C-alpha atoms as a PDB file:
ATOM      1  CA  UNK A   1      14.574   3.001   7.028  1.00  0.00           C
ATOM      2  CA  UNK A   2      14.073   4.986   3.779  1.00  0.00           C
ATOM      3  CA  UNK A   3      10.804   4.542   2.039  1.00  0.00           C
ATOM      4  CA  UNK A   4      10.684   1.527  -0.293  1.00  0.00           C
ATOM      5  CA  UNK A   5       7.780   2.845  -2.251  1.00  0.00           C
ATOM      6  CA  UNK A   6       8.312   4.971  -5.418  1.00  0.00           C
ATOM      7  CA  UNK A   7       5.106   6.690  -6.425  1.00  0.00           C
ATOM      8  CA  UNK A   8       4.667   7.474 -10.115  1.00  0.00           C
ATOM      9  CA  UNK A   9       1.988   9.417 -11.931  1.00  0.00           C
ATOM     10  CA  UNK A  10       1.580   7.234 -15.016  1.00  0.00           C
ATOM     11  CA  UNK A  11      -2.127   6.757 -16.054  1.00  0.00           C
ATOM     12  CA  UNK A  12      -1.760   4.855 -19.365  1.00  0.00           C
ATOM     13  CA  UNK A  13      -0.818   1.201 -19.551  1.00  0.00           C
ATOM     14  CA  UNK A  14       0.705   1.838 -23.004  1.00  0.00           C
ATOM     15  CA  UNK A  15       2.297   5.137 -22.083  1.00  0.00           C
ATOM     16  CA  UNK A  16       5.370   4.040 -20.124  1.00  0.00           C
ATOM     17  CA  UNK A  17       8.893   4.887 -21.211  1.00  0.00           C
ATOM     18  CA  UNK A  18      12.224   3.824 -19.670  1.00  0.00           C
ATOM     19  CA  UNK A  19      13.479   5.967 -16.823  1.00  0.00           C
ATOM     20  CA  UNK A  20      16.827   5.087 -15.322  1.00  0.00           C
ATOM     21  CA  UNK A  21      15.870   6.192 -11.764  1.00  0.00           C
ATOM     22  CA  UNK A  22      12.747   3.993 -11.795  1.00  0.00           C
ATOM     23  CA  UNK A  23      14.736   1.064 -13.182  1.00  0.00           C
ATOM     24  CA  UNK A  24      17.405   1.444 -10.520  1.00  0.00           C
ATOM     25  CA  UNK A  25      14.794   1.629  -7.784  1.00  0.00           C
ATOM     26  CA  UNK A  26      13.006  -1.469  -9.006  1.00  0.00           C
ATOM     27  CA  UNK A  27      16.270  -3.430  -9.279  1.00  0.00           C
ATOM     28  CA  UNK A  28      17.168  -2.282  -5.749  1.00  0.00           C
ATOM     29  CA  UNK A  29      14.043  -3.972  -4.400  1.00  0.00           C
ATOM     30  CA  UNK A  30      11.775  -1.013  -4.185  1.00  0.00           C
ATOM     31  CA  UNK A  31       8.040  -1.076  -5.137  1.00  0.00           C
ATOM     32  CA  UNK A  32       6.949   1.052  -8.099  1.00  0.00           C
ATOM     33  CA  UNK A  33       3.540   2.338  -7.238  1.00  0.00           C
ATOM     34  CA  UNK A  34       1.083   3.796  -9.867  1.00  0.00           C
ATOM     35  CA  UNK A  35      -1.932   5.220  -7.985  1.00  0.00           C
ATOM     36  CA  UNK A  36      -3.638   6.444 -11.199  1.00  0.00           C
ATOM     37  CA  UNK A  37      -3.151   3.329 -13.367  1.00  0.00           C
ATOM     38  CA  UNK A  38      -6.545   1.656 -13.148  1.00  0.00           C
ATOM     39  CA  UNK A  39      -7.541  -1.604 -14.734  1.00  0.00           C
ATOM     40  CA  UNK A  40     -11.030  -0.992 -16.025  1.00  0.00           C
ATOM     41  CA  UNK A  41     -13.538  -3.834 -15.864  1.00  0.00           C
ATOM     42  CA  UNK A  42     -16.142  -4.390 -18.603  1.00  0.00           C
ATOM     43  CA  UNK A  43     -19.798  -4.194 -17.589  1.00  0.00           C
ATOM     44  CA  UNK A  44     -20.216  -7.996 -17.763  1.00  0.00           C
ATOM     45  CA  UNK A  45     -17.192  -8.535 -15.563  1.00  0.00           C
ATOM     46  CA  UNK A  46     -18.716  -6.959 -12.466  1.00  0.00           C
ATOM     47  CA  UNK A  47     -20.409 -10.193 -11.757  1.00  0.00           C
ATOM     48  CA  UNK A  48     -16.959 -11.871 -11.442  1.00  0.00           C
ATOM     49  CA  UNK A  49     -16.186  -9.909  -8.254  1.00  0.00           C
ATOM     50  CA  UNK A  50     -17.289 -12.700  -5.871  1.00  0.00           C
ATOM     51  CA  UNK A  51     -15.489 -15.665  -4.249  1.00  0.00           C
ATOM     52  CA  UNK A  52     -18.236 -17.779  -5.669  1.00  0.00           C
ATOM     53  CA  UNK A  53     -16.367 -17.891  -9.018  1.00  0.00           C
ATOM     54  CA  UNK A  54     -13.632 -20.116  -7.366  1.00  0.00           C
ATOM     55  CA  UNK A  55     -13.903 -23.873  -7.814  1.00  0.00           C
ATOM     56  CA  UNK A  56     -13.970 -25.804  -4.472  1.00  0.00           C
ATOM     57  CA  UNK A  57     -10.662 -26.054  -2.586  1.00  0.00           C
ATOM     58  CA  UNK A  58      -8.986 -23.652  -4.898  1.00  0.00           C
ATOM     59  CA  UNK A  59      -7.083 -20.521  -3.662  1.00  0.00           C
ATOM     60  CA  UNK A  60      -6.760 -18.530  -6.946  1.00  0.00           C
ATOM     61  CA  UNK A  61      -7.870 -18.589 -10.555  1.00  0.00           C
ATOM     62  CA  UNK A  62      -5.183 -18.831 -13.147  1.00  0.00           C
ATOM     63  CA  UNK A  63      -4.706 -18.428 -16.885  1.00  0.00           C
ATOM     64  CA  UNK A  64      -1.581 -20.075 -18.210  1.00  0.00           C
ATOM     65  CA  UNK A  65       0.603 -18.998 -21.164  1.00  0.00           C
ATOM     66  CA  UNK A  66      -1.315 -21.329 -23.492  1.00  0.00           C
ATOM     67  CA  UNK A  67      -4.643 -19.747 -22.534  1.00  0.00           C
ATOM     68  CA  UNK A  68      -5.826 -22.618 -20.257  1.00  0.00           C
ATOM     69  CA  UNK A  69      -8.019 -21.391 -17.450  1.00  0.00           C
ATOM     70  CA  UNK A  70      -7.966 -23.134 -14.028  1.00  0.00           C
ATOM     71  CA  UNK A  71      -9.955 -22.657 -10.860  1.00  0.00           C
ATOM     72  CA  UNK A  72     -13.296 -21.308 -12.049  1.00  0.00           C
ATOM     73  CA  UNK A  73     -16.655 -22.752 -10.963  1.00  0.00           C
ATOM     74  CA  UNK A  74     -19.382 -22.031 -13.438  1.00  0.00           C
ATOM     75  CA  UNK A  75     -20.799 -22.447 -16.927  1.00  0.00           C
ATOM     76  CA  UNK A  76     -19.122 -21.726 -20.242  1.00  0.00           C
ATOM     77  CA  UNK A  77     -20.200 -18.045 -20.219  1.00  0.00           C
ATOM     78  CA  UNK A  78     -18.672 -17.451 -16.861  1.00  0.00           C
ATOM     79  CA  UNK A  79     -15.487 -19.240 -17.899  1.00  0.00           C
ATOM     80  CA  UNK A  80     -15.328 -17.097 -21.041  1.00  0.00           C
ATOM     81  CA  UNK A  81     -15.782 -13.819 -19.109  1.00  0.00           C
ATOM     82  CA  UNK A  82     -13.156 -14.715 -16.510  1.00  0.00           C
ATOM     83  CA  UNK A  83     -10.636 -15.750 -19.189  1.00  0.00           C
ATOM     84  CA  UNK A  84     -11.307 -12.454 -21.096  1.00  0.00           C
ATOM     85  CA  UNK A  85     -10.777 -10.325 -17.972  1.00  0.00           C
ATOM     86  CA  UNK A  86      -7.602 -12.124 -16.856  1.00  0.00           C
ATOM     87  CA  UNK A  87      -6.251 -12.176 -20.393  1.00  0.00           C
ATOM     88  CA  UNK A  88      -6.842  -8.443 -20.848  1.00  0.00           C
ATOM     89  CA  UNK A  89      -4.977  -7.720 -17.681  1.00  0.00           C
ATOM     90  CA  UNK A  90      -2.103  -9.907 -18.867  1.00  0.00           C
ATOM     91  CA  UNK A  91      -1.863  -7.945 -22.077  1.00  0.00           C
ATOM     92  CA  UNK A  92      -1.858  -4.648 -20.265  1.00  0.00           C
ATOM     93  CA  UNK A  93       0.702  -5.738 -17.690  1.00  0.00           C
ATOM     94  CA  UNK A  94       2.970  -6.898 -20.496  1.00  0.00           C
ATOM     95  CA  UNK A  95       2.524  -3.565 -22.320  1.00  0.00           C
ATOM     96  CA  UNK A  96       3.416  -1.786 -19.114  1.00  0.00           C
ATOM     97  CA  UNK A  97       6.561  -3.808 -18.537  1.00  0.00           C
ATOM     98  CA  UNK A  98       7.581  -3.538 -22.184  1.00  0.00           C
ATOM     99  CA  UNK A  99       7.390   0.225 -21.960  1.00  0.00           C
ATOM    100  CA  UNK A 100       9.099   0.613 -18.638  1.00  0.00           C
ATOM    101  CA  UNK A 101      11.774  -2.120 -19.098  1.00  0.00           C
ATOM    102  CA  UNK A 102      12.376  -2.731 -22.805  1.00  0.00           C
ATOM    103  CA  UNK A 103      15.730  -4.319 -22.157  1.00  0.00           C
ATOM    104  CA  UNK A 104      13.893  -7.181 -20.404  1.00  0.00           C
ATOM    105  CA  UNK A 105      11.509  -8.027 -23.155  1.00  0.00           C
ATOM    106  CA  UNK A 106      13.477 -10.552 -25.214  1.00  0.00           C
ATOM    107  CA  UNK A 107      14.409 -12.456 -22.060  1.00  0.00           C
ATOM    108  CA  UNK A 108      11.113 -12.536 -20.186  1.00  0.00           C
ATOM    109  CA  UNK A 109       9.326 -15.782 -19.511  1.00  0.00           C
ATOM    110  CA  UNK A 110       5.509 -15.581 -18.981  1.00  0.00           C
ATOM    111  CA  UNK A 111       4.068 -17.299 -15.955  1.00  0.00           C
ATOM    112  CA  UNK A 112       0.333 -17.871 -15.305  1.00  0.00           C
ATOM    113  CA  UNK A 113      -1.829 -14.756 -14.629  1.00  0.00           C
ATOM    114  CA  UNK A 114      -3.909 -15.007 -11.477  1.00  0.00           C
ATOM    115  CA  UNK A 115      -7.145 -13.615 -10.209  1.00  0.00           C
ATOM    116  CA  UNK A 116      -7.495 -13.641  -6.380  1.00  0.00           C
ATOM    117  CA  UNK A 117     -11.047 -12.930  -5.199  1.00  0.00           C
ATOM    118  CA  UNK A 118     -10.602 -14.325  -1.684  1.00  0.00           C
ATOM    119  CA  UNK A 119     -10.272 -12.075   1.374  1.00  0.00           C
ATOM    120  CA  UNK A 120      -6.694 -12.273   2.673  1.00  0.00           C
ATOM    121  CA  UNK A 121      -7.651 -11.948   6.373  1.00  0.00           C
ATOM    122  CA  UNK A 122      -9.834 -15.050   6.371  1.00  0.00           C
ATOM    123  CA  UNK A 123      -7.150 -17.492   4.966  1.00  0.00           C
ATOM    124  CA  UNK A 124      -5.870 -20.061   7.484  1.00  0.00           C
ATOM    125  CA  UNK A 125      -2.353 -21.294   6.623  1.00  0.00           C
ATOM    126  CA  UNK A 126       0.706 -22.771   8.323  1.00  0.00           C
ATOM    127  CA  UNK A 127       3.352 -20.243   9.401  1.00  0.00           C
ATOM    128  CA  UNK A 128       5.531 -21.214   6.434  1.00  0.00           C
ATOM    129  CA  UNK A 129       2.736 -20.568   3.938  1.00  0.00           C
ATOM    130  CA  UNK A 130       1.322 -17.520   5.697  1.00  0.00           C
ATOM    131  CA  UNK A 131       1.922 -14.521   3.438  1.00  0.00           C
ATOM    132  CA  UNK A 132       0.794 -12.150   6.203  1.00  0.00           C
ATOM    133  CA  UNK A 133       4.278 -12.714   7.538  1.00  0.00           C
ATOM    134  CA  UNK A 134       7.124 -10.662   6.054  1.00  0.00           C
ATOM    135  CA  UNK A 135       9.028 -12.754   3.539  1.00  0.00           C
ATOM    136  CA  UNK A 136      10.725 -12.902   0.172  1.00  0.00           C
ATOM    137  CA  UNK A 137       9.309 -15.305  -2.442  1.00  0.00           C
ATOM    138  CA  UNK A 138      11.045 -18.620  -2.781  1.00  0.00           C
ATOM    139  CA  UNK A 139       9.406 -21.880  -3.645  1.00  0.00           C
ATOM    140  CA  UNK A 140      10.394 -25.265  -2.159  1.00  0.00           C
ATOM    141  CA  UNK A 141       9.507 -27.439  -5.139  1.00  0.00           C
ATOM    142  CA  UNK A 142      10.667 -25.127  -7.972  1.00  0.00           C
ATOM    143  CA  UNK A 143      14.382 -24.225  -7.913  1.00  0.00           C
ATOM    144  CA  UNK A 144      15.017 -21.294 -10.218  1.00  0.00           C
ATOM    145  CA  UNK A 145      18.839 -20.841 -10.068  1.00  0.00           C
ATOM    146  CA  UNK A 146      18.601 -17.069  -9.518  1.00  0.00           C
ATOM    147  CA  UNK A 147      15.891 -16.313 -12.117  1.00  0.00           C
ATOM    148  CA  UNK A 148      14.045 -13.172 -11.041  1.00  0.00           C
ATOM    149  CA  UNK A 149      10.390 -13.039 -10.053  1.00  0.00           C
ATOM    150  CA  UNK A 150       8.862  -9.813 -11.452  1.00  0.00           C
ATOM    151  CA  UNK A 151       5.266  -9.186 -10.465  1.00  0.00           C
ATOM    152  CA  UNK A 152       2.554  -6.717 -11.613  1.00  0.00           C
ATOM    153  CA  UNK A 153      -0.488  -6.313  -9.252  1.00  0.00           C
ATOM    154  CA  UNK A 154      -3.747  -4.388  -9.511  1.00  0.00           C
ATOM    155  CA  UNK A 155      -6.516  -3.912  -7.022  1.00  0.00           C
ATOM    156  CA  UNK A 156     -10.049  -4.268  -8.522  1.00  0.00           C
ATOM    157  CA  UNK A 157     -12.010  -4.239  -5.294  1.00  0.00           C
ATOM    158  CA  UNK A 158     -15.555  -2.853  -5.983  1.00  0.00           C
ATOM    159  CA  UNK A 159     -16.139  -1.598  -2.439  1.00  0.00           C
ATOM    160  CA  UNK A 160     -13.171   0.767  -2.126  1.00  0.00           C
ATOM    161  CA  UNK A 161     -11.112  -1.540   0.060  1.00  0.00           C
ATOM    162  CA  UNK A 162      -7.356  -1.180  -0.208  1.00  0.00           C
ATOM    163  CA  UNK A 163      -4.899  -4.049  -0.347  1.00  0.00           C
ATOM    164  CA  UNK A 164      -2.664  -3.568   2.690  1.00  0.00           C
ATOM    165  CA  UNK A 165       1.018  -4.584   2.618  1.00  0.00           C
ATOM    166  CA  UNK A 166       3.984  -4.293   4.794  1.00  0.00           C
ATOM    167  CA  UNK A 167       7.285  -3.666   2.959  1.00  0.00           C
ATOM    168  CA  UNK A 168      10.652  -4.358   4.578  1.00  0.00           C
ATOM    169  CA  UNK A 169      14.252  -3.407   4.465  1.00  0.00           C
ATOM    170  CA  UNK A 170      16.558  -3.806   1.449  1.00  0.00           C
ATOM    171  CA  UNK A 171      17.424  -7.413   0.515  1.00  0.00           C
ATOM    172  CA  UNK A 172      21.106  -7.109   1.348  1.00  0.00           C
ATOM    173  CA  UNK A 173      20.170  -6.082   4.897  1.00  0.00           C
ATOM    174  CA  UNK A 174      17.858  -9.119   5.163  1.00  0.00           C
ATOM    175  CA  UNK A 175      20.619 -11.402   3.882  1.00  0.00           C
ATOM    176  CA  UNK A 176      23.164  -9.963   6.336  1.00  0.00           C
ATOM    177  CA  UNK A 177      20.727 -10.417   9.217  1.00  0.00           C
ATOM    178  CA  UNK A 178      19.569 -13.993   8.464  1.00  0.00           C
ATOM    179  CA  UNK A 179      22.415 -15.693   6.526  1.00  0.00           C
ATOM    180  CA  UNK A 180      24.408 -16.533   9.822  1.00  0.00           C
ATOM    181  CA  UNK A 181      21.388 -18.635  10.787  1.00  0.00           C
ATOM    182  CA  UNK A 182      21.243 -20.623   7.516  1.00  0.00           C
ATOM    183  CA  UNK A 183      21.829 -24.339   7.578  1.00  0.00           C
ATOM    184  CA  UNK A 184      24.658 -25.440   5.279  1.00  0.00           C
ATOM    185  CA  UNK A 185      23.822 -26.572   1.767  1.00  0.00           C
ATOM    186  CA  UNK A 186      24.256 -30.432   1.388  1.00  0.00           C
ATOM    187  CA  UNK A 187      24.366 -31.524  -2.252  1.00  0.00           C
ATOM    188  CA  UNK A 188      23.428 -35.157  -1.559  1.00  0.00           C
ATOM    189  CA  UNK A 189      20.257 -33.915   0.214  1.00  0.00           C
ATOM    190  CA  UNK A 190      19.372 -31.925  -2.868  1.00  0.00           C
ATOM    191  CA  UNK A 191      19.796 -35.052  -4.953  1.00  0.00           C
ATOM    192  CA  UNK A 192      17.562 -37.035  -2.681  1.00  0.00           C
ATOM    193  CA  UNK A 193      14.864 -34.299  -2.925  1.00  0.00           C
ATOM    194  CA  UNK A 194      15.027 -34.508  -6.698  1.00  0.00           C
ATOM    195  CA  UNK A 195      14.985 -38.259  -6.747  1.00  0.00           C
ATOM    196  CA  UNK A 196      11.890 -38.244  -4.468  1.00  0.00           C
ATOM    197  CA  UNK A 197      10.320 -35.598  -6.721  1.00  0.00           C
ATOM    198  CA  UNK A 198      10.022 -33.189  -3.786  1.00  0.00           C
ATOM    199  CA  UNK A 199      11.763 -30.747  -6.135  1.00  0.00           C
ATOM    200  CA  UNK A 200      11.295 -30.492  -9.884  1.00  0.00           C
ATOM    201  CA  UNK A 201      15.015 -30.176 -10.470  1.00  0.00           C
ATOM    202  CA  UNK A 202      18.212 -30.186  -8.414  1.00  0.00           C
ATOM    203  CA  UNK A 203      18.038 -27.492  -5.736  1.00  0.00           C
ATOM    204  CA  UNK A 204      21.012 -25.205  -6.007  1.00  0.00           C
ATOM    205  CA  UNK A 205      22.830 -23.599  -3.109  1.00  0.00           C
ATOM    206  CA  UNK A 206      21.174 -20.331  -4.179  1.00  0.00           C
ATOM    207  CA  UNK A 207      17.703 -21.832  -3.914  1.00  0.00           C
ATOM    208  CA  UNK A 208      18.611 -23.381  -0.631  1.00  0.00           C
ATOM    209  CA  UNK A 209      19.740 -20.076   0.882  1.00  0.00           C
ATOM    210  CA  UNK A 210      16.695 -18.259  -0.485  1.00  0.00           C
ATOM    211  CA  UNK A 211      14.439 -20.804   1.230  1.00  0.00           C
ATOM    212  CA  UNK A 212      16.493 -20.377   4.458  1.00  0.00           C
ATOM    213  CA  UNK A 213      15.944 -16.626   4.346  1.00  0.00           C
ATOM    214  CA  UNK A 214      12.240 -17.078   3.619  1.00  0.00           C
ATOM    215  CA  UNK A 215      11.706 -19.433   6.552  1.00  0.00           C
ATOM    216  CA  UNK A 216      13.988 -17.552   8.942  1.00  0.00           C
ATOM    217  CA  UNK A 217      12.008 -14.346   8.253  1.00  0.00           C
ATOM    218  CA  UNK A 218       8.642 -15.861   8.716  1.00  0.00           C
ATOM    219  CA  UNK A 219       9.543 -17.844  11.835  1.00  0.00           C
ATOM    220  CA  UNK A 220      11.037 -14.830  13.666  1.00  0.00           C
ATOM    221  CA  UNK A 221       8.250 -13.278  15.663  1.00  0.00           C
ATOM    222  CA  UNK A 222      10.344 -10.361  16.858  1.00  0.00           C
ATOM    223  CA  UNK A 223      11.414  -9.506  13.303  1.00  0.00           C
ATOM    224  CA  UNK A 224       7.853  -9.684  12.108  1.00  0.00           C
ATOM    225  CA  UNK A 225       6.848  -7.162  14.776  1.00  0.00           C
ATOM    226  CA  UNK A 226       9.850  -4.910  15.175  1.00  0.00           C
ATOM    227  CA  UNK A 227      11.954  -5.369  12.014  1.00  0.00           C
ATOM    228  CA  UNK A 228      12.418  -2.372   9.601  1.00  0.00           C
ATOM    229  CA  UNK A 229       9.194  -1.999   7.660  1.00  0.00           C
ATOM    230  CA  UNK A 230       6.510   0.384   6.380  1.00  0.00           C
ATOM    231  CA  UNK A 231       2.794  -0.077   5.977  1.00  0.00           C
ATOM    232  CA  UNK A 232       1.311   0.823   2.575  1.00  0.00           C
ATOM    233  CA  UNK A 233      -2.267   0.841   1.273  1.00  0.00           C
ATOM    234  CA  UNK A 234      -2.848   0.039  -2.393  1.00  0.00           C
ATOM    235  CA  UNK A 235      -6.393   1.318  -3.182  1.00  0.00           C
ATOM    236  CA  UNK A 236      -8.667   0.131  -5.965  1.00  0.00           C
ATOM    237  CA  UNK A 237      -7.676   1.593  -9.264  1.00  0.00           C
ATOM    238  CA  UNK A 238      -3.941   1.301  -8.546  1.00  0.00           C
ATOM    239  CA  UNK A 239      -1.071  -0.835  -9.758  1.00  0.00           C
ATOM    240  CA  UNK A 240       2.248  -1.792  -8.173  1.00  0.00           C
ATOM    241  CA  UNK A 241       5.340  -3.692  -9.445  1.00  0.00           C
ATOM    242  CA  UNK A 242       8.176  -5.341  -7.570  1.00  0.00           C
ATOM    243  CA  UNK A 243      10.633  -8.168  -7.684  1.00  0.00           C
ATOM    244  CA  UNK A 244       8.986 -10.320  -5.076  1.00  0.00           C
ATOM    245  CA  UNK A 245      12.109 -12.470  -4.648  1.00  0.00           C
ATOM    246  CA  UNK A 246      13.960  -9.269  -3.502  1.00  0.00           C
ATOM    247  CA  UNK A 247      11.335  -7.124  -1.873  1.00  0.00           C
ATOM    248  CA  UNK A 248      10.489  -8.209   1.687  1.00  0.00           C
ATOM    249  CA  UNK A 249       6.666  -7.998   1.907  1.00  0.00           C
ATOM    250  CA  UNK A 250       3.665  -9.241   3.799  1.00  0.00           C
ATOM    251  CA  UNK A 251       0.084  -9.107   2.458  1.00  0.00           C
ATOM    252  CA  UNK A 252      -2.083  -8.124   5.444  1.00  0.00           C
ATOM    253  CA  UNK A 253      -5.571  -7.618   3.997  1.00  0.00           C
ATOM    254  CA  UNK A 254      -7.601  -7.040   0.897  1.00  0.00           C
ATOM    255  CA  UNK A 255      -9.799  -8.830  -1.674  1.00  0.00           C
ATOM    256  CA  UNK A 256     -10.068  -8.937  -5.464  1.00  0.00           C
ATOM    257  CA  UNK A 257      -6.639  -8.632  -7.018  1.00  0.00           C
ATOM    258  CA  UNK A 258      -5.131  -9.492 -10.395  1.00  0.00           C
ATOM    259  CA  UNK A 259      -1.480 -10.460 -10.609  1.00  0.00           C
ATOM    260  CA  UNK A 260       1.016 -11.185 -13.475  1.00  0.00           C
ATOM    261  CA  UNK A 261       4.248 -12.951 -12.882  1.00  0.00           C
ATOM    262  CA  UNK A 262       7.172 -12.696 -15.288  1.00  0.00           C
ATOM    263  CA  UNK A 263      10.478 -14.493 -14.946  1.00  0.00           C
ATOM    264  CA  UNK A 264      13.821 -12.912 -15.988  1.00  0.00           C
ATOM    265  CA  UNK A 265      17.376 -14.317 -15.905  1.00  0.00           C
ATOM    266  CA  UNK A 266      19.421 -12.296 -13.441  1.00  0.00           C
ATOM    267  CA  UNK A 267      22.081 -11.700 -16.085  1.00  0.00           C
ATOM    268  CA  UNK A 268      19.477  -9.819 -18.238  1.00  0.00           C
ATOM    269  CA  UNK A 269      18.835  -7.051 -15.675  1.00  0.00           C
ATOM    270  CA  UNK A 270      20.005  -3.551 -16.355  1.00  0.00           C
ATOM    271  CA  UNK A 271      22.292  -4.058 -13.327  1.00  0.00           C
ATOM    272  CA  UNK A 272      22.896  -7.784 -12.745  1.00  0.00           C
ATOM    273  CA  UNK A 273      24.980  -6.952  -9.644  1.00  0.00           C
ATOM    274  CA  UNK A 274      21.854  -5.822  -7.799  1.00  0.00           C
ATOM    275  CA  UNK A 275      20.156  -9.210  -8.056  1.00  0.00           C
ATOM    276  CA  UNK A 276      19.712 -11.514  -5.044  1.00  0.00           C
ATOM    277  CA  UNK A 277      21.969 -14.026  -6.811  1.00  0.00           C
ATOM    278  CA  UNK A 278      24.847 -11.493  -7.032  1.00  0.00           C
ATOM    279  CA  UNK A 279      24.241 -10.258  -3.489  1.00  0.00           C
ATOM    280  CA  UNK A 280      24.291 -13.764  -1.968  1.00  0.00           C
ATOM    281  CA  UNK A 281      27.278 -14.763  -4.010  1.00  0.00           C
ATOM    282  CA  UNK A 282      29.139 -11.639  -2.777  1.00  0.00           C
ATOM    283  CA  UNK A 283      28.174 -12.211   0.856  1.00  0.00           C
ATOM    284  CA  UNK A 284      29.113 -15.842   0.862  1.00  0.00           C
ATOM    285  CA  UNK A 285      32.083 -15.609  -1.434  1.00  0.00           C
ATOM    286  CA  UNK A 286      30.866 -18.646  -3.393  1.00  0.00           C
ATOM    287  CA  UNK A 287      29.453 -19.442  -6.802  1.00  0.00           C
ATOM    288  CA  UNK A 288      25.840 -20.513  -5.827  1.00  0.00           C
ATOM    289  CA  UNK A 289      24.492 -21.877  -9.143  1.00  0.00           C
END
């Protein structure tokens, strides 16, 4: 398998400019990796690098598009500092994407920004929720009809600990491998799920197939161990970007990460034919949304 990591020398969040090779790589499911693009913490923010800032029974801290902060345990001063740190990362991530991918900007929809101070290795989850297993992102309760999931990550670990990922084969290879195992889409079942409020809207055939791929990948022990993949370490002071609905990935270890999610209609890509929606439509020969 060819490397799925594209290493770039950019060191300024506001210094990115469009590059057709980088854009094509990203839209093919590769990871854009910026080893010199550090997110600098303010002096008062060093105290935020502890899991103690998390409220009880919360996995991540989030700041939504309206500026509402969730998941922080602490007084008003701590809440203010966390919101400022996460908000500053959001602004820098948006500036980076705006420079790299200006064609996306009018169509992007902002999702909450997250701060993840918990150690990955200590999380106990079901196999379906376990992100240490190779997967593509797809969410059971939130059908998205082919909308893309673009994510910007940065490692702010103060102890020099890298965030370790495994990155897998191109999406079309994943789809060709696992689509034959997919259960057929049944529209009346999708209606029942919506009526019972298991899903927030009607699950399309696209969303059904993406969930089938997600679950098939995670449940296949041989694929997890022997499937095409490469290990990559993202050290503190680095940034990486990918379409997490297209890039097979597993998060193996690490602690203290900031992440920004942006949603994009597949039709607004530079090359819409490279989207998972287009690939699955082509492979099945059907209109999926």
